Amino acid sequence: MSEMEQIAGAWNESFDLQEYLTKGVERVVAEALKATLKNPRESAFMLKFAAASRTASQKRKKSRSARGTYSALSDRQHYKQV
């Protein structure tokens, strides 16, 4: 195995896709909220969306921790069983 393959393998093992995507959504929502400050109705919608997104993220995190250590393989196996 080449050095590059070893580095890529180590990176993939430590990379948490769920956390990465959650942070991305939070950043987008924060920027969108800033952009909607002039319109109270849009701001209210974005606040509700942000709260729902946060709740969904917490549910995913809880579900993942209930299944044990996360891996893409265990995730695929879980959804095949459901």
Foldseek 3Di string as FASTA:
>chain_A
DDPVVVVVVVCLVPDDPLVVVLVVVLVVLVVQLVVCVVPVVSNVVSVVVNVVSVVVSVVVVVVCVVQPDDDPVVVVVVVVVD
